[in-house]
Amino acid sequence: MINGRLLRDAFISASNNIANNRQAVDELNVFPVPDGDTGTNMSMTISAAARELERIGDDAEVGEVAKVAASALLRGARGNSGVILSLLFRGFSTGLRDKVEANGADLANALTLGVAAAYKAVMKPTEGTILTVSRVAGEEAAKKATETDDVIEVWQTIINAAIDALEKTPEQLPVLKKAGVVDAGGKGLVVILEGMMSVFKDNVIIKNENASASAPVVKATTAVADSDEEIKFGYCTEYIVDRDKKIDRDPIKLRAYLESIGDCVVVVDDESIIKVHVHTNDPGNAIQEGLKFGSLINIKVDNMRHQHKSTVIEAEKVAEAPITPVKPERKYGFVAVGAGDGVCQLFTELGVDKIVRGGQTMNPSTDDILHAVEATPARHVFILPNNKNIIMAAEQVAPLSSRKVHVLHTKTIPQGFTALLNFDETVDSKTNHMAMMKAAEQVSTGLVTFAARNSHYDGQSIKKNQILGIENGKVALVEEDVVKAAYKVAKHLYKKGTHSVITIIYGNGMTQQQADNVQELLSAKLGGDVDITVVEGGQPVYYFIISVE
């Protein structure tokens, strides 16, 4: 039998274990763009539960501990993997309701209910994912529970079955097999189950290896990231080289040098400029090396450790702040997720009441979105996630909110803009929801970013830092020049007779001139049949976001 103290400690141990293995799980992400955040999302989700459980005393009952954990997981859920994890433990909590202690059969039944809750919430479950791993574990646990109710034997069966199912995920999802990896969410779940087992079997809470030496042994991760000791290179350094035509030096040499003093190196060049981004502990040396190729403009150096600490403090304030709903003075309101000052300004101009900062690699939690909804002075609030990995977290807001919540399944920033433009205040919420989504689905979205890792994806061999052109969610081309990539993506997406407007949103680190160059290339190719607009978005991750409609 396990009591409330053991279950509490098991959740905390699980949180620490996934925190320790977060990066390894992130790196299992198949898609080569910088969005490998499955481990991070799962860690941040369960750390919300660990923080709440640290306040629970040793005399708490199993049912109470499970309920507190489930509630915190729900509100702290980030990304699809985090939401599914929260759903698993919500069902798990149902199975342990009102129990003082629990045996192995109770745990097996609780996991089975958790799996059912997770599958029910996913409209089109995909096999070969965390769902499969949890289902197989639950099925084997139920079988074992007919033989014994010993906690250790049942939980070990759960872990063994989860590992076996995880190893088979590449056979169920061809994209995993091609990449030579197992499912990241499934791996994260195994790590969490193993963290719990450490307490059930040995009464040992796995330490958070990222916690400071002076901190207590049991310490949950923060709301936004682990300790800043993980930040190996402390200065994000960016600049643009105005190339000196008299200097005949290959930018490859600049990239090679920067890689020797840092990481996250991006060097993009054309005939007139070289765009540089690097994380390093020697920003001065990075800048001096750039001067060997010409004069420098737009120099920017940020202390990432300082930014991290400030972000942690602010995130903890928000997480602990009570939600006080504002008075709903009107019928309709809007909450949108977005990143970049220009993008957020555009949303505001289109009538959005509250912006939740986030997006790719920065998935906001259900609680983040809930705070924004409750701060919106409207009875009906439309949420625009604008990213496929945020939709599930947004959908969890509805049962928690005092408003009537409508989640639009917008998967990109351009879809969010178009949905807002098609809102009609004179019709009801259901009609608006249908009309806004119909319009959003007609938008084609192009993205230009960089490869976060070497990979082989969809028949293409991709090297780290190469420029990627993404068309409606699929990697369509690999380039060395960011302007050419943006031009090709927009040209591919444009269909004469179907489309008439192209919007080019340039991101952080890109210049107006580069965006204008894309516009000029498109105008020369497509003629006067299309209206091309350039907008400064300032968004991270994506050099360009391109809307074609």
Protein backbone atom coordinates (compact mmCIF):
# COMPACT_ATOMS: atom_id res chain seq x y z
CA MET A 1 0.00 0.00 0.00
CA ILE A 2 1.07 3.57 -0.57
CA ASN A 3 -0.10 6.52 1.51
CA GLY A 4 -0.46 10.19 0.61
CA ARG A 5 3.10 11.05 1.59
CA LEU A 6 4.55 8.45 -0.77
CA LEU A 7 2.33 9.57 -3.65
CA ARG A 8 3.27 13.20 -3.01
CA ASP A 9 6.97 12.37 -2.99
CA ALA A 10 6.52 10.22 -6.11
CA PHE A 11 5.13 13.17 -8.07
CA ILE A 12 7.99 15.40 -6.89
CA SER A 13 10.53 12.72 -7.83
CA ALA A 14 8.91 12.39 -11.25
CA SER A 15 9.12 16.15 -11.74
CA ASN A 16 12.81 16.15 -10.91
CA ASN A 17 13.50 13.16 -13.16
CA ILE A 18 11.91 14.72 -16.24
CA ALA A 19 13.67 18.00 -15.45
CA ASN A 20 16.99 16.13 -15.44
CA ASN A 21 16.17 14.45 -18.75
CA ARG A 22 14.35 17.36 -20.41
CA GLN A 23 16.98 18.09 -23.02
CA ALA A 24 17.36 14.43 -24.04
CA VAL A 25 13.59 14.20 -24.60
CA ASP A 26 13.57 17.51 -26.51
CA GLU A 27 16.23 16.16 -28.86
CA LEU A 28 13.97 13.29 -29.92
CA ASN A 29 11.81 15.76 -31.82
CA VAL A 30 11.67 14.70 -35.47
CA PHE A 31 10.84 18.01 -37.12
CA PRO A 32 14.16 19.81 -37.75
CA VAL A 33 12.91 23.34 -36.97
CA PRO A 34 13.57 24.84 -33.52
CA ASP A 35 10.46 23.45 -31.80
CA GLY A 36 11.86 20.45 -29.94
CA ASP A 37 10.13 21.28 -26.69
CA THR A 38 8.31 18.07 -25.69
CA GLY A 39 10.55 17.41 -22.71
CA THR A 40 10.44 21.05 -21.68
CA ASN A 41 6.65 21.17 -21.87
CA MET A 42 6.22 17.95 -19.89
CA SER A 43 8.73 19.13 -17.28
CA MET A 44 7.06 22.50 -16.87
CA THR A 45 3.63 20.86 -16.67
CA ILE A 46 4.45 18.40 -13.90
CA SER A 47 6.61 20.94 -12.06
CA ALA A 48 3.40 22.91 -11.50
CA ALA A 49 2.08 19.90 -9.58
CA ALA A 50 5.34 19.49 -7.67
CA ARG A 51 5.18 23.10 -6.45
CA GLU A 52 1.66 22.63 -5.13
CA LEU A 53 2.44 19.26 -3.54
CA GLU A 54 5.39 20.64 -1.60
CA ARG A 55 2.78 22.45 0.51
CA ILE A 56 0.97 19.20 1.34
CA GLY A 57 1.72 17.64 4.73
CA ASP A 58 2.74 14.05 5.46
CA ASP A 59 -0.72 13.19 6.77
CA ALA A 60 -2.56 13.88 3.50
CA GLU A 61 -4.59 11.03 2.03
CA VAL A 62 -3.89 9.49 -1.38
CA GLY A 63 -7.09 10.88 -2.87
CA GLU A 64 -6.28 14.42 -1.73
CA VAL A 65 -2.73 14.28 -3.13
CA ALA A 66 -3.97 12.97 -6.49
CA LYS A 67 -6.61 15.70 -6.65
CA VAL A 68 -4.12 18.51 -5.92
CA ALA A 69 -1.69 17.12 -8.50
CA ALA A 70 -4.39 16.81 -11.17
CA SER A 71 -5.62 20.36 -10.64
CA ALA A 72 -2.11 21.82 -10.82
CA LEU A 73 -1.25 19.73 -13.88
CA LEU A 74 -4.36 20.96 -15.66
CA ARG A 75 -3.59 24.62 -15.06
CA GLY A 76 0.12 24.22 -15.75
CA ALA A 77 -0.31 22.18 -18.94
CA ARG A 78 1.86 23.36 -21.85
CA GLY A 79 1.90 21.99 -25.37
CA ASN A 80 0.09 18.89 -26.56
CA SER A 81 2.38 16.58 -24.60
CA GLY A 82 1.77 18.53 -21.39
CA VAL A 83 -1.98 18.56 -21.88
CA ILE A 84 -2.08 14.80 -22.52
CA LEU A 85 0.04 14.26 -19.41
CA SER A 86 -2.41 16.36 -17.39
CA LEU A 87 -5.36 14.38 -18.77
CA LEU A 88 -3.71 11.09 -17.83
CA PHE A 89 -3.32 12.22 -14.25
CA ARG A 90 -6.79 13.79 -14.15
CA GLY A 91 -8.26 10.36 -14.85
CA PHE A 92 -5.70 8.87 -12.45
CA SER A 93 -7.06 11.19 -9.75
CA THR A 94 -10.61 10.02 -10.45
CA GLY A 95 -9.55 6.44 -9.80
CA LEU A 96 -8.03 7.38 -6.44
CA ARG A 97 -10.86 9.65 -5.30
CA ASP A 98 -11.60 9.47 -1.53
CA LYS A 99 -8.95 6.80 -0.94
CA VAL A 100 -6.81 7.00 2.18
CA GLU A 101 -4.26 4.53 0.80
CA ALA A 102 -3.90 2.68 -2.49
CA ASN A 103 -2.65 -0.76 -3.53
CA GLY A 104 -1.40 -1.97 -6.88
CA ALA A 105 -4.87 -2.79 -8.18
CA ASP A 106 -6.00 0.74 -7.32
CA LEU A 107 -3.08 2.21 -9.26
CA ALA A 108 -3.77 -0.03 -12.25
CA ASN A 109 -7.42 1.02 -12.28
CA ALA A 110 -6.47 4.69 -11.90
CA LEU A 111 -4.07 4.53 -14.85
CA THR A 112 -6.74 2.83 -16.98
CA LEU A 113 -9.14 5.70 -16.22
CA GLY A 114 -6.38 8.17 -17.05
CA VAL A 115 -5.77 6.59 -20.43
CA ALA A 116 -9.49 6.69 -21.20
CA ALA A 117 -9.62 10.40 -20.31
CA ALA A 118 -6.66 11.20 -22.55
CA TYR A 119 -8.00 9.27 -25.55
CA LYS A 120 -11.43 10.86 -25.14
CA ALA A 121 -9.95 14.36 -25.32
CA VAL A 122 -8.03 13.74 -28.56
CA MET A 123 -10.27 13.93 -31.61
CA LYS A 124 -8.06 11.80 -33.85
CA PRO A 125 -5.64 9.77 -31.70
CA THR A 126 -2.43 8.84 -33.47
CA GLU A 127 -0.86 5.51 -32.58
CA GLY A 128 2.87 5.50 -31.96
CA THR A 129 2.68 8.40 -29.51
CA ILE A 130 2.42 8.97 -25.76
CA LEU A 131 -1.18 7.80 -26.03
CA THR A 132 -0.09 4.37 -27.27
CA VAL A 133 2.59 4.07 -24.60
CA SER A 134 0.12 4.92 -21.83
CA ARG A 135 -2.59 2.61 -23.23
CA VAL A 136 -0.31 -0.43 -23.43
CA ALA A 137 1.00 0.29 -19.93
CA GLY A 138 -2.55 0.50 -18.63
CA GLU A 139 -3.62 -2.73 -20.31
CA GLU A 140 -0.68 -4.67 -18.90
CA ALA A 141 -1.24 -3.15 -15.46
CA ALA A 142 -4.86 -4.31 -15.48
CA LYS A 143 -3.73 -7.85 -16.31
CA LYS A 144 -1.10 -7.82 -13.57
CA ALA A 145 -3.65 -6.55 -11.05
CA THR A 146 -5.63 -9.79 -11.47
CA GLU A 147 -2.60 -11.66 -10.18
CA THR A 148 -1.40 -9.35 -7.40
CA ASP A 149 -2.20 -6.04 -5.76
CA ASP A 150 1.42 -5.39 -4.78
CA VAL A 151 2.31 -1.79 -5.65
CA ILE A 152 5.90 -2.49 -6.69
CA GLU A 153 5.00 -5.42 -8.97
CA VAL A 154 2.16 -3.54 -10.66
CA TRP A 155 4.14 -0.33 -11.14
CA GLN A 156 7.14 -2.24 -12.51
CA THR A 157 4.77 -3.91 -14.97
CA ILE A 158 3.57 -0.44 -16.01
CA ILE A 159 7.13 0.73 -16.62
CA ASN A 160 8.17 -2.42 -18.51
CA ALA A 161 5.09 -2.26 -20.73
CA ALA A 162 5.64 1.46 -21.38
CA ILE A 163 9.26 0.83 -22.41
CA ASP A 164 8.24 -2.02 -24.73
CA ALA A 165 5.53 0.13 -26.32
CA LEU A 166 7.97 3.03 -26.68
CA GLU A 167 10.48 0.85 -28.54
CA LYS A 168 7.76 -0.09 -31.03
CA THR A 169 6.69 3.49 -31.81
CA PRO A 170 9.02 3.76 -34.84
CA GLU A 171 7.16 0.85 -36.42
CA GLN A 172 3.86 2.66 -35.92
CA LEU A 173 4.96 6.08 -37.14
CA PRO A 174 7.13 6.01 -40.29
CA VAL A 175 8.44 9.51 -39.58
CA LEU A 176 10.01 8.20 -36.37
CA LYS A 177 11.56 5.25 -38.17
CA LYS A 178 13.10 7.50 -40.81
CA ALA A 179 14.61 9.71 -38.14
CA GLY A 180 15.78 6.75 -36.07
CA VAL A 181 14.12 7.90 -32.85
CA VAL A 182 11.29 6.89 -30.54
CA ASP A 183 8.33 9.12 -29.70
CA ALA A 184 9.38 12.03 -27.49
CA GLY A 185 6.14 12.20 -25.49
CA GLY A 186 6.24 8.47 -24.83
CA LYS A 187 9.83 8.75 -23.65
CA GLY A 188 8.87 11.60 -21.34
CA LEU A 189 6.12 9.47 -19.82
CA VAL A 190 8.55 6.60 -19.18
CA VAL A 191 10.91 9.02 -17.41
CA ILE A 192 8.05 10.26 -15.23
CA LEU A 193 6.91 6.73 -14.35
CA GLU A 194 10.49 5.80 -13.43
CA GLY A 195 10.76 8.88 -11.23
CA MET A 196 7.67 7.75 -9.31
CA MET A 197 9.01 4.22 -8.98
CA SER A 198 12.09 5.50 -7.14
CA VAL A 199 9.81 6.53 -4.28
CA PHE A 200 7.43 3.56 -4.41
CA LYS A 201 10.27 1.03 -4.34
CA ASP A 202 13.12 2.69 -2.44
CA ASN A 203 11.46 5.70 -0.77
CA VAL A 204 14.02 7.92 -2.54
CA ILE A 205 13.13 11.21 -4.21
CA ILE A 206 15.31 11.67 -7.29
CA LYS A 207 17.26 14.90 -6.93
CA ASN A 208 16.87 17.78 -9.35
CA GLU A 209 20.38 17.93 -10.78
CA ASN A 210 19.80 21.49 -11.94
CA ALA A 211 18.96 22.81 -8.48
CA SER A 212 21.58 24.96 -6.77
CA ALA A 213 23.81 23.30 -4.22
CA SER A 214 22.29 25.34 -1.39
CA ALA A 215 18.72 24.40 -2.28
CA PRO A 216 16.80 21.61 -0.51
CA VAL A 217 17.10 18.11 -1.97
CA VAL A 218 13.44 18.21 -2.96
CA LYS A 219 12.90 21.23 -5.16
CA ALA A 220 10.49 21.60 -8.07
CA THR A 221 11.58 23.23 -11.29
CA THR A 222 10.55 26.82 -11.98
CA ALA A 223 7.62 27.89 -14.09
CA VAL A 224 9.71 28.73 -17.12
CA ALA A 225 12.91 26.74 -17.17
CA ASP A 226 15.48 24.98 -15.10
CA SER A 227 18.40 26.63 -13.36
CA ASP A 228 20.41 29.15 -15.34
CA GLU A 229 23.37 26.85 -14.79
CA GLU A 230 22.07 25.16 -17.97
CA ILE A 231 22.94 28.28 -19.95
CA LYS A 232 26.42 27.37 -21.13
CA PHE A 233 26.93 30.48 -23.23
CA GLY A 234 25.57 33.61 -21.61
CA TYR A 235 25.42 36.29 -24.30
CA CYS A 236 23.10 36.28 -27.28
CA THR A 237 25.07 38.26 -29.85
CA GLU A 238 23.62 39.51 -33.13
CA TYR A 239 24.84 41.88 -35.80
CA ILE A 240 24.80 42.54 -39.51
CA VAL A 241 28.00 42.93 -41.53
CA ASP A 242 27.84 45.52 -44.29
CA ARG A 243 30.24 43.62 -46.52
CA ASP A 244 33.34 45.39 -47.76
CA LYS A 245 33.69 44.48 -51.44
CA LYS A 246 37.45 44.89 -51.14
CA ILE A 247 37.62 42.08 -48.59
CA ASP A 248 37.59 38.65 -50.19
CA ARG A 249 36.74 36.40 -47.26
CA ASP A 250 34.36 33.46 -47.20
CA PRO A 251 31.58 33.78 -44.57
CA ILE A 252 32.08 30.07 -43.91
CA LYS A 253 35.24 31.08 -42.02
CA LEU A 254 33.19 33.41 -39.84
CA ARG A 255 30.73 30.62 -39.05
CA ALA A 256 33.58 28.22 -38.22
CA TYR A 257 35.11 30.72 -35.80
CA LEU A 258 31.80 31.45 -34.09
CA GLU A 259 31.13 27.74 -33.64
CA SER A 260 34.47 27.47 -31.87
CA ILE A 261 33.44 30.05 -29.24
CA GLY A 262 29.71 29.37 -28.86
CA ASP A 263 26.60 27.61 -30.08
CA CYS A 264 23.26 28.35 -31.81
CA VAL A 265 25.29 29.85 -34.65
CA VAL A 266 23.43 31.26 -37.63
CA VAL A 267 25.33 32.96 -40.45
CA VAL A 268 23.22 34.04 -43.43
CA ASP A 269 24.81 35.98 -46.25
CA ASP A 270 24.23 37.48 -49.66
CA GLU A 271 26.33 39.78 -51.82
CA SER A 272 25.89 42.83 -49.61
CA ILE A 273 25.41 41.67 -46.00
CA ILE A 274 26.11 38.88 -43.52
CA LYS A 275 23.53 38.28 -40.77
CA VAL A 276 25.06 36.79 -37.62
CA HIS A 277 23.56 35.19 -34.51
CA VAL A 278 25.57 33.34 -31.84
CA HIS A 279 25.34 32.42 -28.16
CA THR A 280 28.79 32.92 -26.64
CA ASN A 281 30.67 33.93 -23.50
CA ASP A 282 32.92 36.18 -25.62
CA PRO A 283 30.68 38.67 -27.45
CA GLY A 284 33.62 41.02 -27.98
CA ASN A 285 35.55 38.37 -29.90
CA ALA A 286 32.46 37.52 -31.97
CA ILE A 287 32.11 41.18 -32.92
CA GLN A 288 35.83 41.59 -33.67
CA GLU A 289 35.72 38.61 -36.02
CA GLY A 290 32.78 40.15 -37.87
CA LEU A 291 34.78 43.35 -38.45
CA LYS A 292 37.17 41.33 -40.61
CA PHE A 293 34.39 41.14 -43.23
CA GLY A 294 33.22 44.76 -43.18
CA SER A 295 31.53 47.38 -41.00
CA LEU A 296 28.88 46.35 -38.48
CA ILE A 297 25.33 47.59 -38.05
CA ASN A 298 22.42 46.60 -35.75
CA ILE A 299 24.73 45.22 -33.05
CA LYS A 300 22.74 43.61 -30.21
CA VAL A 301 24.11 41.77 -27.17
CA ASP A 302 21.75 40.35 -24.52
CA ASN A 303 22.74 38.76 -21.21
CA MET A 304 20.63 35.59 -21.32
CA ARG A 305 21.32 34.63 -17.70
CA HIS A 306 20.00 37.99 -16.52
CA GLN A 307 16.98 37.67 -18.81
CA HIS A 308 16.36 34.15 -17.51
CA LYS A 309 16.33 35.25 -13.87
CA SER A 310 13.97 38.13 -14.63
CA THR A 311 11.66 35.81 -16.56
CA VAL A 312 11.59 33.30 -13.71
CA ILE A 313 10.68 36.00 -11.20
CA GLU A 314 7.90 37.38 -13.39
CA ALA A 315 6.57 33.91 -14.22
CA GLU A 316 6.43 32.94 -10.56
CA LYS A 317 4.54 36.15 -9.74
CA VAL A 318 1.97 35.37 -12.45
CA ALA A 319 1.67 31.72 -11.41
CA GLU A 320 0.96 32.63 -7.80
CA ALA A 321 -1.29 35.61 -8.51
CA PRO A 322 -4.97 34.93 -7.84
CA ILE A 323 -7.31 35.24 -10.80
CA THR A 324 -9.83 38.03 -10.32
CA PRO A 325 -12.21 38.18 -13.31
CA VAL A 326 -13.00 41.66 -14.62
CA LYS A 327 -16.61 42.64 -15.15
CA PRO A 328 -17.90 41.40 -18.56
CA GLU A 329 -19.11 44.74 -19.94
CA ARG A 330 -19.69 43.58 -23.52
CA LYS A 331 -20.69 40.51 -25.45
CA TYR A 332 -17.51 39.57 -27.33
CA GLY A 333 -13.80 39.65 -26.56
CA PHE A 334 -10.60 38.14 -27.92
CA VAL A 335 -7.42 36.56 -26.57
CA ALA A 336 -4.59 35.77 -28.99
CA VAL A 337 -1.24 34.03 -28.58
CA GLY A 338 1.63 35.73 -30.37
CA ALA A 339 5.27 36.79 -30.15
CA GLY A 340 7.07 39.83 -31.53
CA ASP A 341 6.12 43.46 -30.89
CA GLY A 342 4.91 44.00 -34.44
CA VAL A 343 2.78 40.85 -34.47
CA CYS A 344 1.23 41.71 -31.11
CA GLN A 345 0.53 45.28 -32.24
CA LEU A 346 -1.29 43.95 -35.30
CA PHE A 347 -3.46 41.74 -33.13
CA THR A 348 -4.28 44.70 -30.90
CA GLU A 349 -5.23 46.81 -33.90
CA LEU A 350 -7.56 44.02 -35.04
CA GLY A 351 -9.44 44.16 -31.74
CA VAL A 352 -7.70 41.62 -29.52
CA ASP A 353 -8.15 42.45 -25.83
CA LYS A 354 -5.32 40.41 -24.34
CA ILE A 355 -2.14 39.03 -25.87
CA VAL A 356 -0.52 35.93 -24.37
CA ARG A 357 3.14 36.08 -25.28
CA GLY A 358 4.24 32.77 -26.73
CA GLY A 359 4.28 30.55 -29.78
CA GLN A 360 6.89 28.23 -31.22
CA THR A 361 9.27 26.95 -28.50
CA MET A 362 7.36 29.12 -26.00
CA ASN A 363 4.06 27.35 -25.44
CA PRO A 364 1.99 29.17 -22.79
CA SER A 365 0.22 27.16 -20.11
CA THR A 366 -3.50 26.72 -19.69
CA ASP A 367 -3.21 29.00 -16.65
CA ASP A 368 -1.50 31.73 -18.72
CA ILE A 369 -4.38 31.67 -21.19
CA LEU A 370 -6.97 31.49 -18.40
CA HIS A 371 -5.55 34.64 -16.78
CA ALA A 372 -5.92 36.47 -20.10
CA VAL A 373 -9.49 35.23 -20.62
CA GLU A 374 -10.58 36.29 -17.14
CA ALA A 375 -9.03 39.72 -17.71
CA THR A 376 -11.11 40.20 -20.87
CA PRO A 377 -14.27 42.28 -20.20
CA ALA A 378 -16.62 40.13 -22.27
CA ARG A 379 -19.18 37.35 -21.77
CA HIS A 380 -18.00 35.41 -24.83
CA VAL A 381 -14.22 35.15 -25.36
CA PHE A 382 -12.66 33.79 -28.54
CA ILE A 383 -9.17 32.32 -28.09
CA LEU A 384 -6.79 32.27 -31.05
CA PRO A 385 -3.88 29.89 -30.23
CA ASN A 386 -2.16 30.46 -33.61
CA ASN A 387 -0.04 27.35 -33.15
CA LYS A 388 -1.10 23.70 -33.38
CA ASN A 389 0.79 22.87 -30.18
CA ILE A 390 -1.20 25.40 -28.14
CA ILE A 391 -4.72 24.44 -29.20
CA MET A 392 -5.14 21.67 -26.61
CA ALA A 393 -3.94 23.91 -23.76
CA ALA A 394 -6.44 26.57 -24.87
CA GLU A 395 -9.27 24.05 -24.91
CA GLN A 396 -8.65 23.22 -21.24
CA VAL A 397 -9.55 26.82 -20.33
CA ALA A 398 -13.28 26.42 -20.99
CA PRO A 399 -14.22 24.40 -17.87
CA LEU A 400 -12.08 26.68 -15.68
CA SER A 401 -13.37 30.02 -16.90
CA SER A 402 -16.27 32.21 -15.79
CA ARG A 403 -16.72 33.21 -19.45
CA LYS A 404 -18.15 31.32 -22.39
CA VAL A 405 -14.96 30.30 -24.16
CA HIS A 406 -14.68 29.60 -27.90
CA VAL A 407 -11.36 28.16 -29.11
CA LEU A 408 -10.59 28.80 -32.76
CA HIS A 409 -8.21 26.17 -34.14
CA THR A 410 -5.89 28.70 -35.74
CA LYS A 411 -2.52 27.06 -36.34
CA THR A 412 -0.56 30.06 -37.63
CA ILE A 413 -0.31 33.80 -37.08
CA PRO A 414 -1.79 34.59 -40.54
CA GLN A 415 -4.77 32.34 -39.79
CA GLY A 416 -5.32 34.33 -36.60
CA PHE A 417 -5.27 37.65 -38.48
CA THR A 418 -7.74 36.42 -41.10
CA ALA A 419 -10.09 34.94 -38.51
CA LEU A 420 -10.30 38.30 -36.74
CA LEU A 421 -10.96 40.15 -39.98
CA ASN A 422 -13.99 37.92 -40.55
CA PHE A 423 -15.61 38.52 -37.17
CA ASP A 424 -19.13 39.98 -37.36
CA GLU A 425 -20.45 41.53 -34.16
CA THR A 426 -24.04 41.35 -35.40
CA VAL A 427 -24.25 37.55 -35.48
CA ASP A 428 -24.13 34.93 -32.72
CA SER A 429 -21.00 33.21 -31.42
CA LYS A 430 -21.62 29.91 -33.21
CA THR A 431 -22.04 31.62 -36.59
CA ASN A 432 -18.92 33.69 -35.95
CA HIS A 433 -16.92 30.63 -34.96
CA MET A 434 -17.80 28.84 -38.18
CA ALA A 435 -17.22 31.88 -40.41
CA MET A 436 -13.91 32.80 -38.78
CA MET A 437 -12.53 29.28 -39.06
CA LYS A 438 -13.73 28.88 -42.64
CA ALA A 439 -11.85 32.04 -43.58
CA ALA A 440 -8.75 31.02 -41.62
CA GLU A 441 -8.59 27.65 -43.35
CA GLN A 442 -8.36 29.39 -46.73
CA VAL A 443 -5.06 31.02 -45.74
CA SER A 444 -1.81 29.44 -46.87
CA THR A 445 1.10 30.05 -44.51
CA GLY A 446 4.79 30.01 -45.33
CA LEU A 447 7.55 30.06 -42.74
CA VAL A 448 11.28 30.61 -43.09
CA THR A 449 13.50 29.49 -40.23
CA PHE A 450 16.72 27.56 -39.61
CA ALA A 451 17.41 23.89 -38.98
CA ALA A 452 17.98 23.27 -35.28
CA ARG A 453 19.80 20.01 -35.89
CA ASN A 454 21.18 17.69 -38.55
CA SER A 455 18.38 15.46 -39.77
CA HIS A 456 16.92 13.46 -42.58
CA TYR A 457 13.34 14.58 -43.04
CA ASP A 458 10.82 13.69 -45.73
CA GLY A 459 13.51 12.51 -48.13
CA GLN A 460 15.75 15.54 -47.59
CA SER A 461 19.13 15.62 -45.92
CA ILE A 462 19.22 18.70 -43.73
CA LYS A 463 22.24 20.19 -41.98
CA LYS A 464 22.12 22.26 -38.81
CA ASN A 465 21.68 26.02 -39.45
CA GLN A 466 20.54 25.61 -43.05
CA ILE A 467 17.59 27.79 -44.01
CA LEU A 468 14.27 25.94 -44.19
CA GLY A 469 11.21 26.93 -46.17
CA ILE A 470 7.99 25.52 -44.70
CA GLU A 471 4.74 25.51 -46.64
CA ASN A 472 1.54 24.83 -44.69
CA GLY A 473 3.40 22.87 -42.03
CA LYS A 474 5.68 20.84 -44.30
CA VAL A 475 9.36 21.41 -45.02
CA ALA A 476 9.34 22.25 -48.72
CA LEU A 477 12.87 23.45 -49.40
CA VAL A 478 16.35 23.84 -47.99
CA GLU A 479 18.31 26.99 -48.86
CA GLU A 480 21.45 28.86 -47.92
CA ASP A 481 19.98 32.31 -48.51
CA VAL A 482 17.08 33.56 -46.38
CA VAL A 483 15.72 36.01 -48.99
CA LYS A 484 15.69 33.36 -51.71
CA ALA A 485 13.97 30.93 -49.35
CA ALA A 486 11.22 33.44 -48.56
CA TYR A 487 10.74 34.24 -52.24
CA LYS A 488 10.50 30.58 -53.22
CA VAL A 489 8.04 29.74 -50.44
CA ALA A 490 5.71 32.62 -51.36
CA LYS A 491 5.96 31.78 -55.08
CA HIS A 492 5.12 28.12 -54.44
CA LEU A 493 2.12 28.98 -52.29
CA TYR A 494 0.66 31.56 -54.66
CA LYS A 495 -1.98 30.24 -57.07
CA LYS A 496 -3.02 32.59 -59.85
CA GLY A 497 -6.76 33.03 -59.95
CA THR A 498 -7.11 31.80 -56.38
CA HIS A 499 -4.92 34.21 -54.44
CA SER A 500 -4.63 37.98 -54.68
CA VAL A 501 -2.81 39.06 -51.50
CA ILE A 502 0.63 38.19 -50.12
CA THR A 503 1.75 39.53 -46.74
CA ILE A 504 5.41 39.31 -45.76
CA ILE A 505 6.00 39.56 -41.99
CA TYR A 506 9.71 39.86 -41.22
CA GLY A 507 11.04 38.77 -37.87
CA ASN A 508 13.64 39.65 -35.29
CA GLY A 509 17.06 40.09 -36.88
CA MET A 510 15.74 40.64 -40.39
CA THR A 511 15.89 44.08 -42.01
CA GLN A 512 13.33 46.11 -43.94
CA GLN A 513 15.68 45.90 -46.92
CA GLN A 514 15.67 42.10 -46.90
CA ALA A 515 11.87 42.07 -46.75
CA ASP A 516 11.75 44.61 -49.59
CA ASN A 517 14.05 42.37 -51.62
CA VAL A 518 11.56 39.50 -51.22
CA GLN A 519 8.74 41.82 -52.30
CA GLU A 520 10.69 42.97 -55.38
CA LEU A 521 11.44 39.42 -56.48
CA LEU A 522 7.78 38.44 -56.13
CA SER A 523 6.54 41.55 -57.95
CA ALA A 524 8.90 40.88 -60.83
CA LYS A 525 7.73 37.27 -61.08
CA LEU A 526 3.99 37.64 -60.40
CA GLY A 527 3.31 41.02 -61.98
CA GLY A 528 0.42 43.27 -61.00
CA ASP A 529 -2.12 40.53 -60.28
CA VAL A 530 -1.18 40.35 -56.61
CA ASP A 531 -1.06 42.90 -53.79
CA ILE A 532 2.16 42.42 -51.77
CA THR A 533 2.51 44.00 -48.32
CA VAL A 534 5.56 44.07 -46.03
CA VAL A 535 5.05 44.20 -42.25
CA GLU A 536 7.58 44.29 -39.41
CA GLY A 537 6.56 41.52 -37.01
CA GLY A 538 9.64 41.22 -34.82
CA GLN A 539 8.79 37.56 -34.14
CA PRO A 540 11.50 35.17 -32.87
CA VAL A 541 12.35 31.82 -34.47
CA TYR A 542 10.92 32.70 -37.90
CA TYR A 543 12.86 35.01 -40.19
CA PHE A 544 9.72 35.40 -42.27
CA ILE A 545 6.06 34.52 -41.87
CA ILE A 546 4.29 34.65 -45.23
CA SER A 547 0.53 34.81 -45.68
CA VAL A 548 -1.04 34.01 -49.05
CA GLU A 549 -4.79 34.43 -49.53
